[in-house]
């Protein structure tokens, strides 16, 4: 799947894939009406954002900012507001696990 990528690119794809997986899990918990459990995942993604600050590209930083914001807003809106954003391909940085 990621074999044959230039050095460093495999890690970038893996990083994005992990973050996207966590986002999808959080959205599912919100849709299932389990906001406290979703909050734990949102806090985890926010911690990743804080710990990687300065070690990611501007695009990756925006990617993380957008995901945290999206999840926070979805958790406020509740199950009705957790839908479409998890499937939005535009929210994935180019080359960062989107496809």
PDB file of N, CA and C in Angstrom:
ATOM      1  N   UNK A   1       0.822  -1.197   0.000  1.00  0.00           N
ATOM      2  CA  UNK A   1       0.000   0.000   0.000  1.00  0.00           C
ATOM      3  C   UNK A   1       0.859   1.251   0.000  1.00  0.00           C
ATOM      4  N   UNK A   2       1.783   1.386   0.948  1.00  0.00           N
ATOM      5  CA  UNK A   2       2.638   2.567   0.989  1.00  0.00           C
ATOM      6  C   UNK A   2       4.060   2.243   0.550  1.00  0.00           C
ATOM      7  N   UNK A   3       4.315   1.003   0.091  1.00  0.00           N
ATOM      8  CA  UNK A   3       5.637   0.647  -0.397  1.00  0.00           C
ATOM      9  C   UNK A   3       5.939   1.445  -1.656  1.00  0.00           C
ATOM     10  N   UNK A   4       7.209   1.783  -1.839  1.00  0.00           N
ATOM     11  CA  UNK A   4       7.613   2.524  -3.008  1.00  0.00           C
ATOM     12  C   UNK A   4       7.478   4.028  -2.875  1.00  0.00           C
ATOM     13  N   UNK A   5       7.050   4.516  -1.726  1.00  0.00           N
ATOM     14  CA  UNK A   5       6.953   5.957  -1.507  1.00  0.00           C
ATOM     15  C   UNK A   5       8.329   6.517  -1.172  1.00  0.00           C
ATOM     16  N   UNK A   6       8.546   7.792  -1.457  1.00  0.00           N
ATOM     17  CA  UNK A   6       9.817   8.417  -1.108  1.00  0.00           C
ATOM     18  C   UNK A   6      10.031   8.385   0.412  1.00  0.00           C
ATOM     19  N   UNK A   7      11.293   8.462   0.853  1.00  0.00           N
ATOM     20  CA  UNK A   7      11.574   8.466   2.294  1.00  0.00           C
ATOM     21  C   UNK A   7      10.785   9.563   3.007  1.00  0.00           C
ATOM     22  N   UNK A   8      10.197   9.217   4.128  1.00  0.00           N
ATOM     23  CA  UNK A   8       9.420  10.168   4.913  1.00  0.00           C
ATOM     24  C   UNK A   8       7.957  10.222   4.531  1.00  0.00           C
ATOM     25  N   UNK A   9       7.640   9.858   3.312  1.00  0.00           N
ATOM     26  CA  UNK A   9       6.254   9.925   2.840  1.00  0.00           C
ATOM     27  C   UNK A   9       5.393   8.854   3.494  1.00  0.00           C
ATOM     28  N   UNK A  10       5.957   7.671   3.743  1.00  0.00           N
ATOM     29  CA  UNK A  10       5.215   6.597   4.394  1.00  0.00           C
ATOM     30  C   UNK A  10       4.762   7.034   5.792  1.00  0.00           C
ATOM     31  N   UNK A  11       5.630   7.716   6.522  1.00  0.00           N
ATOM     32  CA  UNK A  11       5.282   8.196   7.849  1.00  0.00           C
ATOM     33  C   UNK A  11       4.190   9.254   7.785  1.00  0.00           C
ATOM     34  N   UNK A  12       4.232  10.129   6.774  1.00  0.00           N
ATOM     35  CA  UNK A  12       3.219  11.169   6.628  1.00  0.00           C
ATOM     36  C   UNK A  12       1.851  10.540   6.366  1.00  0.00           C
ATOM     37  N   UNK A  13       1.809   9.523   5.506  1.00  0.00           N
ATOM     38  CA  UNK A  13       0.557   8.851   5.208  1.00  0.00           C
ATOM     39  C   UNK A  13       0.049   8.140   6.460  1.00  0.00           C
ATOM     40  N   UNK A  14       0.934   7.480   7.190  1.00  0.00           N
ATOM     41  CA  UNK A  14       0.542   6.779   8.407  1.00  0.00           C
ATOM     42  C   UNK A  14       0.023   7.751   9.460  1.00  0.00           C
ATOM     43  N   UNK A  15       0.667   8.909   9.596  1.00  0.00           N
ATOM     44  CA  UNK A  15       0.238   9.921  10.563  1.00  0.00           C
ATOM     45  C   UNK A  15      -1.181  10.368  10.236  1.00  0.00           C
ATOM     46  N   UNK A  16      -1.427  10.703   8.986  1.00  0.00           N
ATOM     47  CA  UNK A  16      -2.756  11.145   8.574  1.00  0.00           C
ATOM     48  C   UNK A  16      -3.778  10.031   8.760  1.00  0.00           C
ATOM     49  N   UNK A  17      -3.397   8.799   8.453  1.00  0.00           N
ATOM     50  CA  UNK A  17      -4.324   7.673   8.587  1.00  0.00           C
ATOM     51  C   UNK A  17      -4.743   7.470  10.036  1.00  0.00           C
ATOM     52  N   UNK A  18      -3.800   7.591  10.957  1.00  0.00           N
ATOM     53  CA  UNK A  18      -4.112   7.437  12.379  1.00  0.00           C
ATOM     54  C   UNK A  18      -5.060   8.539  12.835  1.00  0.00           C
ATOM     55  N   UNK A  19      -4.772   9.772  12.454  1.00  0.00           N
ATOM     56  CA  UNK A  19      -5.620  10.897  12.854  1.00  0.00           C
ATOM     57  C   UNK A  19      -7.022  10.741  12.261  1.00  0.00           C
ATOM     58  N   UNK A  20      -7.095  10.345  10.995  1.00  0.00           N
ATOM     59  CA  UNK A  20      -8.397  10.147  10.355  1.00  0.00           C
ATOM     60  C   UNK A  20      -9.185   9.021  11.013  1.00  0.00           C
ATOM     61  N   UNK A  21      -8.503   7.963  11.430  1.00  0.00           N
ATOM     62  CA  UNK A  21      -9.166   6.869  12.126  1.00  0.00           C
ATOM     63  C   UNK A  21      -9.742   7.350  13.460  1.00  0.00           C
ATOM     64  N   UNK A  22      -8.951   8.115  14.209  1.00  0.00           N
ATOM     65  CA  UNK A  22      -9.432   8.658  15.480  1.00  0.00           C
ATOM     66  C   UNK A  22     -10.632   9.582  15.263  1.00  0.00           C
ATOM     67  N   UNK A  23     -10.569  10.396  14.204  1.00  0.00           N
ATOM     68  CA  UNK A  23     -11.687  11.291  13.893  1.00  0.00           C
ATOM     69  C   UNK A  23     -12.943  10.490  13.581  1.00  0.00           C
ATOM     70  N   UNK A  24     -12.800   9.460  12.772  1.00  0.00           N
ATOM     71  CA  UNK A  24     -13.951   8.630  12.419  1.00  0.00           C
ATOM     72  C   UNK A  24     -14.545   7.972  13.659  1.00  0.00           C
ATOM     73  N   UNK A  25     -13.701   7.480  14.547  1.00  0.00           N
ATOM     74  CA  UNK A  25     -14.184   6.857  15.781  1.00  0.00           C
ATOM     75  C   UNK A  25     -14.928   7.874  16.646  1.00  0.00           C
ATOM     76  N   UNK A  26     -14.394   9.078  16.761  1.00  0.00           N
ATOM     77  CA  UNK A  26     -15.050  10.111  17.563  1.00  0.00           C
ATOM     78  C   UNK A  26     -16.406  10.477  16.972  1.00  0.00           C
ATOM     79  N   UNK A  27     -16.469  10.636  15.652  1.00  0.00           N
ATOM     80  CA  UNK A  27     -17.753  10.935  15.000  1.00  0.00           C
ATOM     81  C   UNK A  27     -18.765   9.827  15.270  1.00  0.00           C
ATOM     82  N   UNK A  28     -18.322   8.588  15.205  1.00  0.00           N
ATOM     83  CA  UNK A  28     -19.238   7.472  15.448  1.00  0.00           C
ATOM     84  C   UNK A  28     -19.757   7.505  16.889  1.00  0.00           C
ATOM     85  N   UNK A  29     -18.885   7.795  17.836  1.00  0.00           N
ATOM     86  CA  UNK A  29     -19.325   7.889  19.231  1.00  0.00           C
ATOM     87  C   UNK A  29     -20.331   9.021  19.417  1.00  0.00           C
ATOM     88  N   UNK A  30     -20.102  10.141  18.751  1.00  0.00           N
ATOM     89  CA  UNK A  30     -21.046  11.262  18.842  1.00  0.00           C
ATOM     90  C   UNK A  30     -22.392  10.841  18.259  1.00  0.00           C
ATOM     91  N   UNK A  31     -22.363  10.193  17.096  1.00  0.00           N
ATOM     92  CA  UNK A  31     -23.607   9.734  16.467  1.00  0.00           C
ATOM     93  C   UNK A  31     -24.339   8.727  17.349  1.00  0.00           C
ATOM     94  N   UNK A  32     -23.596   7.932  18.094  1.00  0.00           N
ATOM     95  CA  UNK A  32     -24.190   6.927  18.975  1.00  0.00           C
ATOM     96  C   UNK A  32     -24.650   7.516  20.307  1.00  0.00           C
ATOM     97  N   UNK A  33     -24.491   8.838  20.468  1.00  0.00           N
ATOM     98  CA  UNK A  33     -24.925   9.491  21.696  1.00  0.00           C
ATOM     99  C   UNK A  33     -23.997   9.233  22.875  1.00  0.00           C
ATOM    100  N   UNK A  34     -22.712   9.082  22.606  1.00  0.00           N
ATOM    101  CA  UNK A  34     -21.726   8.820  23.660  1.00  0.00           C
ATOM    102  C   UNK A  34     -20.684   9.949  23.672  1.00  0.00           C
ATOM    103  N   UNK A  35     -21.123  11.167  24.003  1.00  0.00           N
ATOM    104  CA  UNK A  35     -20.237  12.326  23.904  1.00  0.00           C
ATOM    105  C   UNK A  35     -19.039  12.301  24.858  1.00  0.00           C
ATOM    106  N   UNK A  36     -19.185  11.687  26.022  1.00  0.00           N
ATOM    107  CA  UNK A  36     -18.056  11.642  26.956  1.00  0.00           C
ATOM    108  C   UNK A  36     -16.914  10.798  26.400  1.00  0.00           C
ATOM    109  N   UNK A  37     -17.254   9.686  25.786  1.00  0.00           N
ATOM    110  CA  UNK A  37     -16.227   8.844  25.175  1.00  0.00           C
ATOM    111  C   UNK A  37     -15.604   9.545  23.968  1.00  0.00           C
ATOM    112  N   UNK A  38     -16.434  10.229  23.191  1.00  0.00           N
ATOM    113  CA  UNK A  38     -15.924  10.991  22.049  1.00  0.00           C
ATOM    114  C   UNK A  38     -14.974  12.084  22.531  1.00  0.00           C
ATOM    115  N   UNK A  39     -15.315  12.707  23.648  1.00  0.00           N
ATOM    116  CA  UNK A  39     -14.478  13.778  24.209  1.00  0.00           C
ATOM    117  C   UNK A  39     -13.065  13.266  24.487  1.00  0.00           C
ATOM    118  N   UNK A  40     -12.941  12.027  24.951  1.00  0.00           N
ATOM    119  CA  UNK A  40     -11.617  11.447  25.184  1.00  0.00           C
ATOM    120  C   UNK A  40     -10.793  11.364  23.911  1.00  0.00           C
ATOM    121  N   UNK A  41     -11.441  10.974  22.803  1.00  0.00           N
ATOM    122  CA  UNK A  41     -10.735  10.914  21.523  1.00  0.00           C
ATOM    123  C   UNK A  41     -10.387  12.309  21.019  1.00  0.00           C
ATOM    124  N   UNK A  42     -11.327  13.241  21.178  1.00  0.00           N
ATOM    125  CA  UNK A  42     -11.062  14.619  20.756  1.00  0.00           C
ATOM    126  C   UNK A  42      -9.880  15.180  21.533  1.00  0.00           C
ATOM    127  N   UNK A  43      -9.850  14.937  22.837  1.00  0.00           N
ATOM    128  CA  UNK A  43      -8.724  15.392  23.656  1.00  0.00           C
ATOM    129  C   UNK A  43      -7.419  14.729  23.218  1.00  0.00           C
ATOM    130  N   UNK A  44      -7.499  13.461  22.824  1.00  0.00           N
ATOM    131  CA  UNK A  44      -6.309  12.759  22.335  1.00  0.00           C
ATOM    132  C   UNK A  44      -5.773  13.374  21.050  1.00  0.00           C
ATOM    133  N   UNK A  45      -6.671  13.691  20.115  1.00  0.00           N
ATOM    134  CA  UNK A  45      -6.248  14.339  18.869  1.00  0.00           C
ATOM    135  C   UNK A  45      -5.680  15.721  19.165  1.00  0.00           C
ATOM    136  N   UNK A  46      -6.293  16.423  20.102  1.00  0.00           N
ATOM    137  CA  UNK A  46      -5.793  17.745  20.489  1.00  0.00           C
ATOM    138  C   UNK A  46      -4.400  17.627  21.112  1.00  0.00           C
ATOM    139  N   UNK A  47      -4.170  16.572  21.878  1.00  0.00           N
ATOM    140  CA  UNK A  47      -2.843  16.345  22.462  1.00  0.00           C
ATOM    141  C   UNK A  47      -1.819  16.052  21.364  1.00  0.00           C
ATOM    142  N   UNK A  48      -2.210  15.268  20.365  1.00  0.00           N
ATOM    143  CA  UNK A  48      -1.321  15.010  19.220  1.00  0.00           C
ATOM    144  C   UNK A  48      -0.981  16.322  18.533  1.00  0.00           C
ATOM    145  N   UNK A  49      -1.985  17.170  18.357  1.00  0.00           N
ATOM    146  CA  UNK A  49      -1.772  18.480  17.730  1.00  0.00           C
ATOM    147  C   UNK A  49      -0.764  19.296  18.528  1.00  0.00           C
ATOM    148  N   UNK A  50      -0.924  19.316  19.843  1.00  0.00           N
ATOM    149  CA  UNK A  50      -0.025  20.100  20.697  1.00  0.00           C
ATOM    150  C   UNK A  50       1.397  19.525  20.691  1.00  0.00           C
ATOM    151  N   UNK A  51       1.512  18.217  20.761  1.00  0.00           N
ATOM    152  CA  UNK A  51       2.832  17.573  20.834  1.00  0.00           C
ATOM    153  C   UNK A  51       3.592  17.624  19.513  1.00  0.00           C
ATOM    154  N   UNK A  52       2.865  17.730  18.403  1.00  0.00           N
ATOM    155  CA  UNK A  52       3.546  17.758  17.108  1.00  0.00           C
ATOM    156  C   UNK A  52       3.766  19.177  16.592  1.00  0.00           C
ATOM    157  N   UNK A  53       3.267  20.171  17.308  1.00  0.00           N
ATOM    158  CA  UNK A  53       3.424  21.565  16.873  1.00  0.00           C
ATOM    159  C   UNK A  53       4.909  21.863  16.642  1.00  0.00           C
ATOM    160  N   UNK A  54       5.207  22.427  15.495  1.00  0.00           N
ATOM    161  CA  UNK A  54       6.588  22.740  15.140  1.00  0.00           C
ATOM    162  C   UNK A  54       7.298  21.603  14.423  1.00  0.00           C
ATOM    163  N   UNK A  55       6.691  20.420  14.429  1.00  0.00           N
ATOM    164  CA  UNK A  55       7.287  19.259  13.763  1.00  0.00           C
ATOM    165  C   UNK A  55       6.441  18.755  12.601  1.00  0.00           C
ATOM    166  N   UNK A  56       5.436  19.529  12.231  1.00  0.00           N
ATOM    167  CA  UNK A  56       4.573  19.171  11.099  1.00  0.00           C
ATOM    168  C   UNK A  56       4.573  20.333  10.120  1.00  0.00           C
ATOM    169  N   UNK A  57       4.179  20.023   8.892  1.00  0.00           N
ATOM    170  CA  UNK A  57       4.081  21.081   7.886  1.00  0.00           C
ATOM    171  C   UNK A  57       2.898  21.989   8.219  1.00  0.00           C
ATOM    172  N   UNK A  58       2.846  23.155   7.582  1.00  0.00           N
ATOM    173  CA  UNK A  58       1.705  24.050   7.773  1.00  0.00           C
ATOM    174  C   UNK A  58       0.408  23.359   7.363  1.00  0.00           C
ATOM    175  N   UNK A  59       0.463  22.585   6.301  1.00  0.00           N
ATOM    176  CA  UNK A  59      -0.713  21.862   5.821  1.00  0.00           C
ATOM    177  C   UNK A  59      -1.179  20.834   6.858  1.00  0.00           C
ATOM    178  N   UNK A  60      -0.236  20.105   7.443  1.00  0.00           N
ATOM    179  CA  UNK A  60      -0.594  19.132   8.477  1.00  0.00           C
ATOM    180  C   UNK A  60      -1.146  19.821   9.723  1.00  0.00           C
ATOM    181  N   UNK A  61      -0.582  20.974  10.068  1.00  0.00           N
ATOM    182  CA  UNK A  61      -1.077  21.723  11.221  1.00  0.00           C
ATOM    183  C   UNK A  61      -2.516  22.175  10.990  1.00  0.00           C
ATOM    184  N   UNK A  62      -2.812  22.675   9.780  1.00  0.00           N
ATOM    185  CA  UNK A  62      -4.191  23.065   9.443  1.00  0.00           C
ATOM    186  C   UNK A  62      -5.121  21.855   9.462  1.00  0.00           C
ATOM    187  N   UNK A  63      -4.632  20.737   8.963  1.00  0.00           N
ATOM    188  CA  UNK A  63      -5.377  19.480   8.962  1.00  0.00           C
ATOM    189  C   UNK A  63      -5.796  19.128  10.396  1.00  0.00           C
ATOM    190  N   UNK A  64      -4.864  19.170  11.330  1.00  0.00           N
ATOM    191  CA  UNK A  64      -5.165  18.867  12.731  1.00  0.00           C
ATOM    192  C   UNK A  64      -6.107  19.909  13.333  1.00  0.00           C
ATOM    193  N   UNK A  65      -5.836  21.188  13.064  1.00  0.00           N
ATOM    194  CA  UNK A  65      -6.713  22.255  13.577  1.00  0.00           C
ATOM    195  C   UNK A  65      -8.147  22.047  13.100  1.00  0.00           C
ATOM    196  N   UNK A  66      -8.302  21.756  11.811  1.00  0.00           N
ATOM    197  CA  UNK A  66      -9.632  21.569  11.231  1.00  0.00           C
ATOM    198  C   UNK A  66     -10.351  20.371  11.845  1.00  0.00           C
ATOM    199  N   UNK A  67      -9.625  19.285  12.056  1.00  0.00           N
ATOM    200  CA  UNK A  67     -10.236  18.094  12.633  1.00  0.00           C
ATOM    201  C   UNK A  67     -10.687  18.354  14.062  1.00  0.00           C
ATOM    202  N   UNK A  68      -9.833  18.978  14.865  1.00  0.00           N
ATOM    203  CA  UNK A  68     -10.209  19.264  16.258  1.00  0.00           C
ATOM    204  C   UNK A  68     -11.420  20.184  16.290  1.00  0.00           C
ATOM    205  N   UNK A  69     -11.411  21.227  15.469  1.00  0.00           N
ATOM    206  CA  UNK A  69     -12.543  22.158  15.433  1.00  0.00           C
ATOM    207  C   UNK A  69     -13.827  21.431  15.015  1.00  0.00           C
ATOM    208  N   UNK A  70     -13.738  20.647  13.945  1.00  0.00           N
ATOM    209  CA  UNK A  70     -14.892  19.910  13.446  1.00  0.00           C
ATOM    210  C   UNK A  70     -15.467  18.991  14.524  1.00  0.00           C
ATOM    211  N   UNK A  71     -14.606  18.275  15.216  1.00  0.00           N
ATOM    212  CA  UNK A  71     -15.080  17.361  16.252  1.00  0.00           C
ATOM    213  C   UNK A  71     -15.681  18.106  17.434  1.00  0.00           C
ATOM    214  N   UNK A  72     -15.060  19.208  17.816  1.00  0.00           N
ATOM    215  CA  UNK A  72     -15.611  19.986  18.919  1.00  0.00           C
ATOM    216  C   UNK A  72     -17.002  20.505  18.578  1.00  0.00           C
ATOM    217  N   UNK A  73     -17.172  21.006  17.357  1.00  0.00           N
ATOM    218  CA  UNK A  73     -18.484  21.503  16.944  1.00  0.00           C
ATOM    219  C   UNK A  73     -19.501  20.358  16.837  1.00  0.00           C
ATOM    220  N   UNK A  74     -19.074  19.227  16.329  1.00  0.00           N
ATOM    221  CA  UNK A  74     -19.973  18.074  16.230  1.00  0.00           C
ATOM    222  C   UNK A  74     -20.415  17.602  17.603  1.00  0.00           C
ATOM    223  N   UNK A  75     -19.510  17.636  18.569  1.00  0.00           N
ATOM    224  CA  UNK A  75     -19.871  17.177  19.913  1.00  0.00           C
ATOM    225  C   UNK A  75     -20.863  18.136  20.562  1.00  0.00           C
ATOM    226  N   UNK A  76     -20.786  19.418  20.228  1.00  0.00           N
ATOM    227  CA  UNK A  76     -21.741  20.400  20.758  1.00  0.00           C
ATOM    228  C   UNK A  76     -23.106  20.193  20.110  1.00  0.00           C
ATOM    229  N   UNK A  77     -23.116  19.939  18.788  1.00  0.00           N
ATOM    230  CA  UNK A  77     -24.382  19.753  18.062  1.00  0.00           C
ATOM    231  C   UNK A  77     -25.033  18.424  18.400  1.00  0.00           C
ATOM    232  N   UNK A  78     -24.246  17.447  18.811  1.00  0.00           N
ATOM    233  CA  UNK A  78     -24.796  16.147  19.166  1.00  0.00           C
ATOM    234  C   UNK A  78     -24.934  15.229  17.969  1.00  0.00           C
ATOM    235  N   UNK A  79     -25.683  14.137  18.137  1.00  0.00           N
ATOM    236  CA  UNK A  79     -25.783  13.115  17.084  1.00  0.00           C
ATOM    237  C   UNK A  79     -26.213  13.659  15.724  1.00  0.00           C
ATOM    238  N   UNK A  80     -27.088  14.626  15.677  1.00  0.00           N
ATOM    239  CA  UNK A  80     -27.544  15.165  14.391  1.00  0.00           C
ATOM    240  C   UNK A  80     -26.435  15.914  13.663  1.00  0.00           C
ATOM    241  N   UNK A  81     -25.457  16.457  14.389  1.00  0.00           N
ATOM    242  CA  UNK A  81     -24.398  17.249  13.770  1.00  0.00           C
ATOM    243  C   UNK A  81     -23.120  16.491  13.517  1.00  0.00           C
ATOM    244  N   UNK A  82     -23.101  15.180  13.752  1.00  0.00           N
ATOM    245  CA  UNK A  82     -21.866  14.411  13.617  1.00  0.00           C
ATOM    246  C   UNK A  82     -21.730  13.728  12.273  1.00  0.00           C
ATOM    247  N   UNK A  83     -22.688  13.902  11.400  1.00  0.00           N
ATOM    248  CA  UNK A  83     -22.733  13.152  10.149  1.00  0.00           C
ATOM    249  C   UNK A  83     -21.677  13.436   9.130  1.00  0.00           C
ATOM    250  N   UNK A  84     -21.981  14.262   8.143  1.00  0.00           N
ATOM    251  CA  UNK A  84     -21.232  14.398   6.908  1.00  0.00           C
ATOM    252  C   UNK A  84     -19.767  14.708   6.997  1.00  0.00           C
ATOM    253  N   UNK A  85     -19.296  15.422   7.980  1.00  0.00           N
ATOM    254  CA  UNK A  85     -17.908  15.868   7.991  1.00  0.00           C
ATOM    255  C   UNK A  85     -16.918  14.717   8.007  1.00  0.00           C
ATOM    256  N   UNK A  86     -17.264  13.596   8.598  1.00  0.00           N
ATOM    257  CA  UNK A  86     -16.334  12.473   8.671  1.00  0.00           C
ATOM    258  C   UNK A  86     -16.020  11.895   7.296  1.00  0.00           C
ATOM    259  N   UNK A  87     -16.878  12.120   6.329  1.00  0.00           N
ATOM    260  CA  UNK A  87     -16.692  11.572   4.999  1.00  0.00           C
ATOM    261  C   UNK A  87     -16.188  12.603   4.006  1.00  0.00           C
ATOM    262  N   UNK A  88     -15.878  13.816   4.434  1.00  0.00           N
ATOM    263  CA  UNK A  88     -15.508  14.916   3.553  1.00  0.00           C
ATOM    264  C   UNK A  88     -14.074  14.763   3.061  1.00  0.00           C
ATOM    265  N   UNK A  89     -13.861  14.389   1.791  1.00  0.00           N
ATOM    266  CA  UNK A  89     -12.498  14.213   1.285  1.00  0.00           C
ATOM    267  C   UNK A  89     -11.730  15.524   1.202  1.00  0.00           C
ATOM    268  N   UNK A  90     -12.405  16.660   1.182  1.00  0.00           N
ATOM    269  CA  UNK A  90     -11.729  17.948   1.107  1.00  0.00           C
ATOM    270  C   UNK A  90     -10.978  18.281   2.388  1.00  0.00           C
ATOM    271  N   UNK A  91     -11.324  17.636   3.501  1.00  0.00           N
ATOM    272  CA  UNK A  91     -10.675  17.947   4.767  1.00  0.00           C
ATOM    273  C   UNK A  91      -9.370  17.185   4.948  1.00  0.00           C
ATOM    274  N   UNK A  92      -8.992  16.352   3.975  1.00  0.00           N
ATOM    275  CA  UNK A  92      -7.751  15.593   4.036  1.00  0.00           C
ATOM    276  C   UNK A  92      -6.697  16.306   3.192  1.00  0.00           C
ATOM    277  N   UNK A  93      -5.524  16.613   3.786  1.00  0.00           N
ATOM    278  CA  UNK A  93      -4.475  17.254   2.985  1.00  0.00           C
ATOM    279  C   UNK A  93      -4.082  16.365   1.812  1.00  0.00           C
ATOM    280  N   UNK A  94      -3.725  16.973   0.702  1.00  0.00           N
ATOM    281  CA  UNK A  94      -3.313  16.214  -0.469  1.00  0.00           C
ATOM    282  C   UNK A  94      -2.186  15.259  -0.112  1.00  0.00           C
ATOM    283  N   UNK A  95      -2.341  14.013  -0.512  1.00  0.00           N
ATOM    284  CA  UNK A  95      -1.307  13.031  -0.270  1.00  0.00           C
ATOM    285  C   UNK A  95      -1.263  12.539   1.158  1.00  0.00           C
ATOM    286  N   UNK A  96      -2.234  12.876   1.970  1.00  0.00           N
ATOM    287  CA  UNK A  96      -2.201  12.497   3.377  1.00  0.00           C
ATOM    288  C   UNK A  96      -3.247  11.440   3.677  1.00  0.00           C
ATOM    289  N   UNK A  97      -3.266  10.373   2.946  1.00  0.00           N
ATOM    290  CA  UNK A  97      -4.152   9.264   3.255  1.00  0.00           C
ATOM    291  C   UNK A  97      -5.521   9.393   2.640  1.00  0.00           C
ATOM    292  N   UNK A  98      -5.746  10.348   1.782  1.00  0.00           N
ATOM    293  CA  UNK A  98      -7.051  10.509   1.173  1.00  0.00           C
ATOM    294  C   UNK A  98      -7.146   9.785  -0.155  1.00  0.00           C
ATOM    295  N   UNK A  99      -7.223   8.456  -0.131  1.00  0.00           N
ATOM    296  CA  UNK A  99      -7.485   7.786  -1.388  1.00  0.00           C
ATOM    297  C   UNK A  99      -6.739   6.605  -1.602  1.00  0.00           C
TER     298      UNK A  99
END
